Amino acid sequence: MEEGVPVGEHSTGTRKRRKSGTSKRKREQENRYTDKDPDMLQFEPPCNHKEGRYRCCSIPAFYLIQQRKRVLNHHDKLQQDRLLGSMMSVSVPKRRRPRKDGEKLNSMFIRYQVRVHDETLPIC
């Protein structure tokens, strides 16, 4: 009689299998949404608001780093957008006419705010 292959001792064949772990696309996505400058050493404020309605430059760097870490802790864009959405408030604008002729009407107005201590500061 012919001898067969005993159960459990067969070869896996020549079929290629993916390696377990993260794919190249997933690694690139995580790299894109990670923090490149965690201590904000290269950060320069985009505006000069220190007093008045917006106080962007009066916020201590510690709170900016804290908020940034909170957002960039997640490597998924949808989770980051969800956290950023909590820092925004959307309302209908008071001035509905366009600034120039031929432009479309403004349909929404978005305000951004950052939480410092127990106070919410509006930023530009």
N, C-alpha and C. Protein backbone atom coordinates (compact mmCIF):
# COMPACT_ATOMS: atom_id res chain seq x y z
N MET A 1 0.81 -1.19 0.00
CA MET A 1 0.00 0.00 0.00
C MET A 1 0.85 1.26 0.00
N GLU A 2 0.21 2.31 -0.46
CA GLU A 2 0.91 3.58 -0.46
C GLU A 2 0.87 4.21 0.92
N GLU A 3 1.95 4.87 1.22
CA GLU A 3 1.97 5.60 2.49
C GLU A 3 1.55 7.03 2.23
N GLY A 4 0.63 7.53 2.99
CA GLY A 4 0.16 8.91 2.86
C GLY A 4 0.90 9.82 3.83
N VAL A 5 0.60 11.04 3.74
CA VAL A 5 1.19 12.03 4.64
C VAL A 5 0.41 11.98 5.94
N PRO A 6 1.08 11.79 7.06
CA PRO A 6 0.36 11.75 8.34
C PRO A 6 -0.30 13.10 8.63
N VAL A 7 -1.36 13.05 9.35
CA VAL A 7 -2.11 14.25 9.69
C VAL A 7 -1.24 15.17 10.53
N GLY A 8 -1.25 16.48 10.17
CA GLY A 8 -0.49 17.46 10.94
C GLY A 8 0.93 17.63 10.46
N GLU A 9 1.37 16.81 9.48
CA GLU A 9 2.75 16.93 9.00
C GLU A 9 2.80 17.30 7.53
N HIS A 10 1.88 18.13 7.08
CA HIS A 10 1.89 18.53 5.68
C HIS A 10 2.61 19.86 5.53
N SER A 11 3.08 20.12 4.33
CA SER A 11 3.77 21.39 4.08
C SER A 11 2.73 22.47 3.77
N THR A 12 3.13 23.69 3.94
CA THR A 12 2.22 24.81 3.68
C THR A 12 2.15 25.15 2.21
N GLY A 13 2.97 24.54 1.40
CA GLY A 13 2.94 24.81 -0.02
C GLY A 13 3.78 26.01 -0.39
N THR A 14 3.56 26.50 -1.61
CA THR A 14 4.37 27.62 -2.09
C THR A 14 3.57 28.91 -2.12
N ARG A 15 2.36 28.90 -1.60
CA ARG A 15 1.52 30.09 -1.61
C ARG A 15 2.10 31.17 -0.69
N LYS A 16 2.19 32.40 -1.23
CA LYS A 16 2.73 33.49 -0.41
C LYS A 16 1.67 33.97 0.56
N ARG A 17 2.08 34.24 1.76
CA ARG A 17 1.18 34.74 2.77
C ARG A 17 1.70 36.08 3.27
N ARG A 18 0.77 36.94 3.65
CA ARG A 18 1.16 38.23 4.20
C ARG A 18 1.75 38.04 5.59
N LYS A 19 2.71 38.87 5.88
CA LYS A 19 3.28 38.85 7.23
C LYS A 19 2.28 39.48 8.18
N SER A 20 2.20 38.94 9.35
CA SER A 20 1.30 39.55 10.33
C SER A 20 1.91 40.86 10.82
N GLY A 21 1.07 41.77 11.19
CA GLY A 21 1.54 43.09 11.62
C GLY A 21 0.88 44.16 10.80
N THR A 22 1.45 45.34 10.84
CA THR A 22 0.84 46.46 10.14
C THR A 22 1.29 46.50 8.69
N SER A 23 0.42 46.94 7.84
CA SER A 23 0.74 47.06 6.42
C SER A 23 1.52 48.35 6.18
N LYS A 24 2.06 48.46 4.98
CA LYS A 24 2.83 49.65 4.63
C LYS A 24 1.92 50.88 4.65
N ARG A 25 0.70 50.72 4.15
CA ARG A 25 -0.25 51.84 4.13
C ARG A 25 -0.58 52.31 5.55
N LYS A 26 -0.78 51.37 6.45
CA LYS A 26 -1.10 51.71 7.84
C LYS A 26 0.08 52.42 8.51
N ARG A 27 1.29 51.95 8.25
CA ARG A 27 2.48 52.60 8.82
C ARG A 27 2.65 54.02 8.30
N GLU A 28 2.40 54.23 6.99
CA GLU A 28 2.50 55.57 6.42
C GLU A 28 1.44 56.50 7.01
N GLN A 29 0.25 55.96 7.21
CA GLN A 29 -0.83 56.75 7.79
C GLN A 29 -0.49 57.15 9.23
N GLU A 30 0.03 56.23 10.02
CA GLU A 30 0.41 56.54 11.39
C GLU A 30 1.54 57.56 11.41
N ASN A 31 2.48 57.45 10.47
CA ASN A 31 3.59 58.40 10.40
C ASN A 31 3.09 59.79 10.03
N ARG A 32 2.09 59.86 9.16
CA ARG A 32 1.54 61.15 8.71
C ARG A 32 0.85 61.88 9.85
N TYR A 33 0.19 61.15 10.74
CA TYR A 33 -0.61 61.78 11.79
C TYR A 33 0.05 61.70 13.16
N THR A 34 1.37 61.53 13.21
CA THR A 34 2.08 61.59 14.49
C THR A 34 2.72 62.95 14.66
N ASP A 35 3.15 63.22 15.86
CA ASP A 35 3.73 64.52 16.19
C ASP A 35 5.21 64.54 15.82
N LYS A 36 5.59 65.42 14.92
CA LYS A 36 6.98 65.53 14.48
C LYS A 36 7.82 66.39 15.43
N ASP A 37 7.18 67.32 16.14
CA ASP A 37 7.87 68.23 17.05
C ASP A 37 7.11 68.25 18.38
N PRO A 38 7.28 67.21 19.23
CA PRO A 38 6.46 67.10 20.45
C PRO A 38 6.66 68.21 21.47
N ASP A 39 7.84 68.81 21.53
CA ASP A 39 8.08 69.88 22.51
C ASP A 39 7.87 71.26 21.91
N MET A 40 7.41 71.32 20.68
CA MET A 40 7.11 72.57 19.98
C MET A 40 8.32 73.53 19.98
N LEU A 41 9.48 73.00 19.68
CA LEU A 41 10.68 73.83 19.64
C LEU A 41 10.72 74.70 18.39
N GLN A 42 10.08 74.25 17.31
CA GLN A 42 10.08 75.00 16.06
C GLN A 42 8.77 75.76 15.84
N PHE A 43 7.95 75.87 16.87
CA PHE A 43 6.64 76.51 16.74
C PHE A 43 6.77 78.02 16.78
N GLU A 44 6.13 78.66 15.82
CA GLU A 44 6.05 80.12 15.80
C GLU A 44 4.57 80.48 15.68
N PRO A 45 4.07 81.36 16.53
CA PRO A 45 2.65 81.73 16.43
C PRO A 45 2.35 82.40 15.09
N PRO A 46 1.25 82.02 14.46
CA PRO A 46 0.93 82.60 13.15
C PRO A 46 0.35 84.01 13.23
N CYS A 47 0.07 84.50 14.44
CA CYS A 47 -0.54 85.82 14.59
C CYS A 47 0.12 86.56 15.75
N ASN A 48 -0.34 87.78 16.03
CA ASN A 48 0.19 88.58 17.12
C ASN A 48 -0.89 88.99 18.11
N HIS A 49 -1.94 88.21 18.25
CA HIS A 49 -3.04 88.55 19.16
C HIS A 49 -2.63 88.26 20.60
N LYS A 50 -2.50 89.32 21.40
CA LYS A 50 -2.17 89.16 22.82
C LYS A 50 -3.29 89.67 23.72
N GLU A 51 -4.04 90.62 23.24
CA GLU A 51 -5.12 91.21 24.02
C GLU A 51 -6.34 91.36 23.13
N GLY A 52 -7.45 91.69 23.75
CA GLY A 52 -8.66 91.93 22.99
C GLY A 52 -9.48 90.66 22.82
N ARG A 53 -10.13 90.55 21.67
CA ARG A 53 -11.04 89.44 21.43
C ARG A 53 -10.31 88.11 21.37
N TYR A 54 -9.24 88.05 20.61
CA TYR A 54 -8.44 86.83 20.51
C TYR A 54 -7.17 87.00 21.32
N ARG A 55 -6.82 85.96 22.08
CA ARG A 55 -5.60 86.01 22.90
C ARG A 55 -4.73 84.80 22.60
N CYS A 56 -4.45 84.61 21.33
CA CYS A 56 -3.71 83.43 20.90
C CYS A 56 -2.29 83.39 21.48
N CYS A 57 -1.60 84.51 21.44
CA CYS A 57 -0.20 84.54 21.88
C CYS A 57 -0.04 84.62 23.39
N SER A 58 -1.13 84.84 24.12
CA SER A 58 -1.03 84.91 25.58
C SER A 58 -1.21 83.53 26.23
N ILE A 59 -1.47 82.50 25.44
CA ILE A 59 -1.64 81.15 25.99
C ILE A 59 -0.25 80.56 26.24
N PRO A 60 0.01 80.07 27.46
CA PRO A 60 1.32 79.48 27.76
C PRO A 60 1.58 78.24 26.90
N ALA A 61 2.83 78.02 26.57
CA ALA A 61 3.21 76.91 25.70
C ALA A 61 2.83 75.56 26.31
N PHE A 62 2.81 75.46 27.64
CA PHE A 62 2.44 74.21 28.30
C PHE A 62 1.06 73.75 27.88
N TYR A 63 0.11 74.67 27.81
CA TYR A 63 -1.26 74.31 27.45
C TYR A 63 -1.38 73.96 25.96
N LEU A 64 -0.59 74.62 25.14
CA LEU A 64 -0.58 74.28 23.72
C LEU A 64 -0.02 72.88 23.50
N ILE A 65 1.05 72.56 24.20
CA ILE A 65 1.65 71.23 24.09
C ILE A 65 0.67 70.18 24.59
N GLN A 66 -0.01 70.48 25.68
CA GLN A 66 -0.99 69.55 26.25
C GLN A 66 -2.14 69.27 25.27
N GLN A 67 -2.68 70.32 24.66
CA GLN A 67 -3.77 70.15 23.69
C GLN A 67 -3.27 69.40 22.45
N ARG A 68 -2.08 69.73 22.03
CA ARG A 68 -1.52 69.08 20.85
C ARG A 68 -1.29 67.59 21.08
N LYS A 69 -0.76 67.24 22.25
CA LYS A 69 -0.55 65.83 22.58
C LYS A 69 -1.88 65.08 22.64
N ARG A 70 -2.89 65.76 23.17
CA ARG A 70 -4.22 65.15 23.27
C ARG A 70 -4.76 64.78 21.89
N VAL A 71 -4.53 65.64 20.92
CA VAL A 71 -5.01 65.37 19.56
C VAL A 71 -4.11 64.37 18.85
N LEU A 72 -2.81 64.59 18.90
CA LEU A 72 -1.88 63.75 18.14
C LEU A 72 -1.58 62.42 18.81
N ASN A 73 -2.15 62.17 19.99
CA ASN A 73 -2.04 60.87 20.63
C ASN A 73 -2.72 59.80 19.79
N HIS A 74 -3.73 60.19 19.06
CA HIS A 74 -4.46 59.28 18.19
C HIS A 74 -3.82 59.32 16.80
N HIS A 75 -3.56 58.15 16.24
CA HIS A 75 -2.92 58.08 14.93
C HIS A 75 -3.93 57.97 13.80
N ASP A 76 -5.20 58.06 14.13
CA ASP A 76 -6.26 57.96 13.14
C ASP A 76 -6.84 59.35 12.89
N LYS A 77 -6.97 59.74 11.64
CA LYS A 77 -7.44 61.07 11.29
C LYS A 77 -8.86 61.32 11.78
N LEU A 78 -9.71 60.32 11.73
CA LEU A 78 -11.10 60.51 12.16
C LEU A 78 -11.18 60.80 13.66
N GLN A 79 -10.38 60.14 14.45
CA GLN A 79 -10.37 60.41 15.89
C GLN A 79 -9.79 61.80 16.17
N GLN A 80 -8.77 62.20 15.42
CA GLN A 80 -8.22 63.55 15.58
C GLN A 80 -9.25 64.60 15.20
N ASP A 81 -9.99 64.35 14.11
CA ASP A 81 -11.02 65.30 13.69
C ASP A 81 -12.13 65.40 14.73
N ARG A 82 -12.45 64.31 15.37
CA ARG A 82 -13.48 64.31 16.41
C ARG A 82 -13.05 65.20 17.58
N LEU A 83 -11.78 65.12 17.98
CA LEU A 83 -11.28 65.96 19.07
C LEU A 83 -11.21 67.43 18.65
N LEU A 84 -10.79 67.68 17.41
CA LEU A 84 -10.74 69.06 16.93
C LEU A 84 -12.13 69.65 16.81
N GLY A 85 -13.09 68.82 16.47
CA GLY A 85 -14.48 69.28 16.40
C GLY A 85 -15.01 69.74 17.73
N SER A 86 -14.49 69.17 18.82
CA SER A 86 -14.92 69.61 20.15
C SER A 86 -14.35 70.98 20.50
N MET A 87 -13.35 71.45 19.76
CA MET A 87 -12.75 72.75 20.00
C MET A 87 -13.35 73.83 19.10
N MET A 88 -14.38 73.47 18.34
CA MET A 88 -15.00 74.41 17.40
C MET A 88 -16.46 74.62 17.76
N SER A 89 -16.96 75.80 17.42
CA SER A 89 -18.40 76.04 17.53
C SER A 89 -18.84 76.68 16.21
N VAL A 90 -19.93 76.16 15.66
CA VAL A 90 -20.43 76.61 14.36
C VAL A 90 -21.71 77.40 14.58
N SER A 91 -21.83 78.53 13.90
CA SER A 91 -23.04 79.33 14.00
C SER A 91 -23.34 79.99 12.64
N VAL A 92 -24.52 80.57 12.55
CA VAL A 92 -24.92 81.27 11.34
C VAL A 92 -24.33 82.68 11.41
N PRO A 93 -23.71 83.17 10.32
CA PRO A 93 -23.10 84.49 10.37
C PRO A 93 -24.15 85.61 10.41
N LYS A 94 -23.78 86.72 11.05
CA LYS A 94 -24.67 87.87 11.09
C LYS A 94 -24.66 88.61 9.76
N ARG A 95 -23.52 88.64 9.12
CA ARG A 95 -23.40 89.31 7.83
C ARG A 95 -23.52 88.24 6.75
N ARG A 96 -24.62 88.20 6.06
CA ARG A 96 -24.86 87.15 5.09
C ARG A 96 -24.44 87.53 3.68
N ARG A 97 -24.27 88.80 3.40
CA ARG A 97 -23.91 89.18 2.04
C ARG A 97 -22.42 88.93 1.81
N PRO A 98 -22.05 88.62 0.60
CA PRO A 98 -20.63 88.37 0.31
C PRO A 98 -19.81 89.64 0.38
N ARG A 99 -18.55 89.51 0.63
CA ARG A 99 -17.67 90.66 0.74
C ARG A 99 -17.46 91.34 -0.62
N LYS A 100 -17.42 90.57 -1.68
CA LYS A 100 -17.23 91.10 -3.03
C LYS A 100 -18.37 90.63 -3.91
N ASP A 101 -18.56 91.33 -5.01
CA ASP A 101 -19.59 90.93 -5.96
C ASP A 101 -19.20 89.61 -6.62
N GLY A 102 -20.18 88.76 -6.82
CA GLY A 102 -19.94 87.48 -7.50
C GLY A 102 -19.55 86.35 -6.58
N GLU A 103 -19.29 86.59 -5.31
CA GLU A 103 -18.96 85.52 -4.38
C GLU A 103 -20.24 84.92 -3.82
N LYS A 104 -20.15 83.68 -3.36
CA LYS A 104 -21.34 83.05 -2.78
C LYS A 104 -21.54 83.53 -1.34
N LEU A 105 -22.75 83.36 -0.87
CA LEU A 105 -23.09 83.80 0.48
C LEU A 105 -22.40 82.94 1.53
N ASN A 106 -22.06 83.57 2.64
CA ASN A 106 -21.47 82.83 3.75
C ASN A 106 -22.58 82.08 4.47
N SER A 107 -22.43 80.77 4.61
CA SER A 107 -23.49 79.97 5.22
C SER A 107 -23.18 79.56 6.65
N MET A 108 -21.91 79.61 7.06
CA MET A 108 -21.58 79.26 8.44
C MET A 108 -20.38 80.05 8.92
N PHE A 109 -20.29 80.15 10.24
CA PHE A 109 -19.21 80.87 10.89
C PHE A 109 -18.63 79.93 11.94
N ILE A 110 -17.34 79.69 11.90
CA ILE A 110 -16.70 78.74 12.81
C ILE A 110 -15.79 79.49 13.76
N ARG A 111 -15.95 79.23 15.05
CA ARG A 111 -15.07 79.80 16.08
C ARG A 111 -14.26 78.67 16.69
N TYR A 112 -12.99 78.95 16.92
CA TYR A 112 -12.09 77.97 17.53
C TYR A 112 -11.78 78.43 18.95
N GLN A 113 -11.70 77.48 19.86
CA GLN A 113 -11.39 77.82 21.25
C GLN A 113 -10.50 76.74 21.87
N VAL A 114 -9.70 77.17 22.83
CA VAL A 114 -8.79 76.29 23.56
C VAL A 114 -9.09 76.43 25.03
N ARG A 115 -9.06 75.33 25.75
CA ARG A 115 -9.33 75.36 27.18
C ARG A 115 -8.02 75.56 27.94
N VAL A 116 -7.95 76.65 28.72
CA VAL A 116 -6.80 76.96 29.56
C VAL A 116 -7.32 77.14 30.97
N HIS A 117 -6.76 76.42 31.91
CA HIS A 117 -7.27 76.34 33.29
C HIS A 117 -8.74 75.91 33.19
N ASP A 118 -9.65 76.68 33.70
CA ASP A 118 -11.07 76.39 33.57
C ASP A 118 -11.75 77.40 32.65
N GLU A 119 -10.96 78.09 31.85
CA GLU A 119 -11.47 79.15 30.98
C GLU A 119 -11.31 78.70 29.52
N THR A 120 -12.28 79.05 28.70
CA THR A 120 -12.22 78.78 27.27
C THR A 120 -11.82 80.04 26.55
N LEU A 121 -10.67 80.03 25.88
CA LEU A 121 -10.17 81.21 25.19
C LEU A 121 -10.41 81.06 23.68
N PRO A 122 -11.01 82.08 23.05
CA PRO A 122 -11.15 82.02 21.59
C PRO A 122 -9.82 82.30 20.91
N ILE A 123 -9.55 81.55 19.87
CA ILE A 123 -8.30 81.75 19.11
C ILE A 123 -8.66 81.91 17.63
N CYS A 124 -7.73 82.46 16.88
CA CYS A 124 -7.99 82.66 15.44
C CYS A 124 -7.53 81.46 14.64
